[in-house]
Amino acid sequence: CVELSPLGGWGEEHALYYAPQVEAAFSRGSLPEVMRALEEGGTEWHQAALEVLREASPLALSLTFAQLRAAEETDCWAAAARAEAESCAAAAATADFRAGA
């Protein structure tokens, strides 16, 4: 889905340098499949991404994954952005959010 420009010459410090790894791991159908792909990736990048996900809130990961899948199904960017904003506002209104849990 991301076409890398041959003129870009992206180095390791640029996020697009890792676009093939990101797409291969995160295009899986479920969050457990994404985690498995990262575990099996075998590079330093895969391990770093896996560590970040393991440290994150499981609920936040699940919600984010669901939100990304829903956005993928729409052809209207504004609708996807609105759904994300509504989801964030709903989460911010919870007692857990206010408590920092």
C-alpha atoms as a PDB file:
ATOM      1  CA  CYS A   1       0.000   0.000   0.000  1.00  0.00           C
ATOM      2  CA  VAL A   2       3.000   2.320   0.437  1.00  0.00           C
ATOM      3  CA  GLU A   3       4.976   3.011  -2.688  1.00  0.00           C
ATOM      4  CA  LEU A   4       8.515   4.015  -1.795  1.00  0.00           C
ATOM      5  CA  SER A   5       9.989   6.636  -4.052  1.00  0.00           C
ATOM      6  CA  PRO A   6      13.249   5.543  -5.646  1.00  0.00           C
ATOM      7  CA  LEU A   7      14.372   9.143  -5.165  1.00  0.00           C
ATOM      8  CA  GLY A   8      13.717   8.976  -1.402  1.00  0.00           C
ATOM      9  CA  GLY A   9      16.818   7.047  -0.419  1.00  0.00           C
ATOM     10  CA  TRP A  10      15.307   6.479   3.027  1.00  0.00           C
ATOM     11  CA  GLY A  11      17.844   5.669   5.712  1.00  0.00           C
ATOM     12  CA  GLU A  12      17.232   3.616   8.852  1.00  0.00           C
ATOM     13  CA  GLU A  13      16.340   6.776  10.761  1.00  0.00           C
ATOM     14  CA  HIS A  14      13.269   7.336   8.558  1.00  0.00           C
ATOM     15  CA  ALA A  15      10.000   5.517   9.331  1.00  0.00           C
ATOM     16  CA  LEU A  16       9.421   4.680   5.644  1.00  0.00           C
ATOM     17  CA  TYR A  17      12.617   2.645   5.630  1.00  0.00           C
ATOM     18  CA  TYR A  18      10.645   0.029   7.568  1.00  0.00           C
ATOM     19  CA  ALA A  19       7.458   0.204   5.462  1.00  0.00           C
ATOM     20  CA  PRO A  20       7.824  -3.362   4.100  1.00  0.00           C
ATOM     21  CA  GLN A  21       8.209  -4.791   7.626  1.00  0.00           C
ATOM     22  CA  VAL A  22       5.328  -2.685   8.949  1.00  0.00           C
ATOM     23  CA  GLU A  23       3.033  -3.788   6.161  1.00  0.00           C
ATOM     24  CA  ALA A  24       4.017  -7.458   6.451  1.00  0.00           C
ATOM     25  CA  ALA A  25       3.452  -7.571  10.214  1.00  0.00           C
ATOM     26  CA  PHE A  26       0.520  -5.217  10.703  1.00  0.00           C
ATOM     27  CA  SER A  27      -1.601  -6.293   7.732  1.00  0.00           C
ATOM     28  CA  ARG A  28      -2.518  -9.509   9.550  1.00  0.00           C
ATOM     29  CA  GLY A  29      -6.151 -10.228  10.330  1.00  0.00           C
ATOM     30  CA  SER A  30      -5.956 -10.137  14.121  1.00  0.00           C
ATOM     31  CA  LEU A  31      -3.863  -8.699  16.909  1.00  0.00           C
ATOM     32  CA  PRO A  32      -2.534 -12.146  17.956  1.00  0.00           C
ATOM     33  CA  GLU A  33      -1.441 -12.694  14.330  1.00  0.00           C
ATOM     34  CA  VAL A  34       0.375  -9.341  14.360  1.00  0.00           C
ATOM     35  CA  MET A  35       2.158 -10.290  17.569  1.00  0.00           C
ATOM     36  CA  ARG A  36       3.096 -13.683  16.115  1.00  0.00           C
ATOM     37  CA  ALA A  37       4.450 -12.051  12.949  1.00  0.00           C
ATOM     38  CA  LEU A  38       6.609  -9.744  15.061  1.00  0.00           C
ATOM     39  CA  GLU A  39       7.832 -12.661  17.190  1.00  0.00           C
ATOM     40  CA  GLU A  40       8.799 -14.560  14.045  1.00  0.00           C
ATOM     41  CA  GLY A  41      10.289 -11.517  12.275  1.00  0.00           C
ATOM     42  CA  GLY A  42      13.761 -12.019  13.638  1.00  0.00           C
ATOM     43  CA  THR A  43      15.142  -8.506  13.184  1.00  0.00           C
ATOM     44  CA  GLU A  44      15.957  -5.801  15.702  1.00  0.00           C
ATOM     45  CA  TRP A  45      13.057  -3.768  14.336  1.00  0.00           C
ATOM     46  CA  HIS A  46      10.606  -6.648  14.903  1.00  0.00           C
ATOM     47  CA  GLN A  47      11.816  -7.098  18.479  1.00  0.00           C
ATOM     48  CA  ALA A  48      11.583  -3.362  19.220  1.00  0.00           C
ATOM     49  CA  ALA A  49       8.035  -3.162  17.811  1.00  0.00           C
ATOM     50  CA  LEU A  50       7.017  -6.251  19.790  1.00  0.00           C
ATOM     51  CA  GLU A  51       8.424  -4.770  23.007  1.00  0.00           C
ATOM     52  CA  VAL A  52       6.435  -1.565  22.520  1.00  0.00           C
ATOM     53  CA  LEU A  53       3.219  -3.528  21.970  1.00  0.00           C
ATOM     54  CA  ARG A  54       3.831  -5.772  24.981  1.00  0.00           C
ATOM     55  CA  GLU A  55       4.263  -2.715  27.215  1.00  0.00           C
ATOM     56  CA  ALA A  56       1.045  -1.115  25.965  1.00  0.00           C
ATOM     57  CA  SER A  57      -2.391  -1.524  27.485  1.00  0.00           C
ATOM     58  CA  PRO A  58      -4.067  -4.645  26.067  1.00  0.00           C
ATOM     59  CA  LEU A  59      -7.375  -2.791  25.920  1.00  0.00           C
ATOM     60  CA  ALA A  60      -5.821   0.161  24.092  1.00  0.00           C
ATOM     61  CA  LEU A  61      -4.147  -2.209  21.621  1.00  0.00           C
ATOM     62  CA  SER A  62      -7.412  -4.003  20.932  1.00  0.00           C
ATOM     63  CA  LEU A  63      -9.320  -0.763  20.486  1.00  0.00           C
ATOM     64  CA  THR A  64      -6.654   0.677  18.205  1.00  0.00           C
ATOM     65  CA  PHE A  65      -6.555  -2.467  16.087  1.00  0.00           C
ATOM     66  CA  ALA A  66     -10.354  -2.473  15.777  1.00  0.00           C
ATOM     67  CA  GLN A  67     -10.351   1.227  14.883  1.00  0.00           C
ATOM     68  CA  LEU A  68      -7.729   0.685  12.172  1.00  0.00           C
ATOM     69  CA  ARG A  69      -9.719  -2.209  10.703  1.00  0.00           C
ATOM     70  CA  ALA A  70     -12.882  -0.102  10.699  1.00  0.00           C
ATOM     71  CA  ALA A  71     -11.041   2.754   8.980  1.00  0.00           C
ATOM     72  CA  GLU A  72      -9.764   0.315   6.401  1.00  0.00           C
ATOM     73  CA  GLU A  73     -13.365  -0.578   5.500  1.00  0.00           C
ATOM     74  CA  THR A  74     -14.441   2.994   4.791  1.00  0.00           C
ATOM     75  CA  ASP A  75     -13.637   5.057   1.753  1.00  0.00           C
ATOM     76  CA  CYS A  76     -14.276   8.300   3.623  1.00  0.00           C
ATOM     77  CA  TRP A  77     -11.322   9.611   5.572  1.00  0.00           C
ATOM     78  CA  ALA A  78     -13.499  12.082   7.466  1.00  0.00           C
ATOM     79  CA  ALA A  79     -15.781   9.296   8.714  1.00  0.00           C
ATOM     80  CA  ALA A  80     -12.788   7.309   9.972  1.00  0.00           C
ATOM     81  CA  ALA A  81     -11.375  10.384  11.727  1.00  0.00           C
ATOM     82  CA  ARG A  82     -14.767  11.153  13.285  1.00  0.00           C
ATOM     83  CA  ALA A  83     -15.107   7.559  14.559  1.00  0.00           C
ATOM     84  CA  GLU A  84     -11.621   7.748  16.077  1.00  0.00           C
ATOM     85  CA  ALA A  85     -12.401  11.074  17.765  1.00  0.00           C
ATOM     86  CA  GLU A  86     -15.631   9.659  19.203  1.00  0.00           C
ATOM     87  CA  SER A  87     -13.777   6.596  20.475  1.00  0.00           C
ATOM     88  CA  CYS A  88     -11.118   8.768  22.140  1.00  0.00           C
ATOM     89  CA  ALA A  89     -13.736  11.025  23.714  1.00  0.00           C
ATOM     90  CA  ALA A  90     -15.621   8.013  25.085  1.00  0.00           C
ATOM     91  CA  ALA A  91     -12.427   6.562  26.550  1.00  0.00           C
ATOM     92  CA  ALA A  92     -11.474   9.900  28.104  1.00  0.00           C
ATOM     93  CA  ALA A  93     -14.847  10.055  29.861  1.00  0.00           C
ATOM     94  CA  THR A  94     -14.239   6.819  31.810  1.00  0.00           C
ATOM     95  CA  ALA A  95     -13.127   6.579  35.419  1.00  0.00           C
ATOM     96  CA  ASP A  96     -10.138   4.433  34.378  1.00  0.00           C
ATOM     97  CA  PHE A  97      -8.889   7.202  32.110  1.00  0.00           C
ATOM     98  CA  ARG A  98      -9.213   9.815  34.830  1.00  0.00           C
ATOM     99  CA  ALA A  99      -7.413   7.505  37.262  1.00  0.00           C
ATOM    100  CA  GLY A 100      -4.609   6.888  34.792  1.00  0.00           C
ATOM    101  CA  ALA A 101      -5.238   3.154  34.615  1.00  0.00           C
END
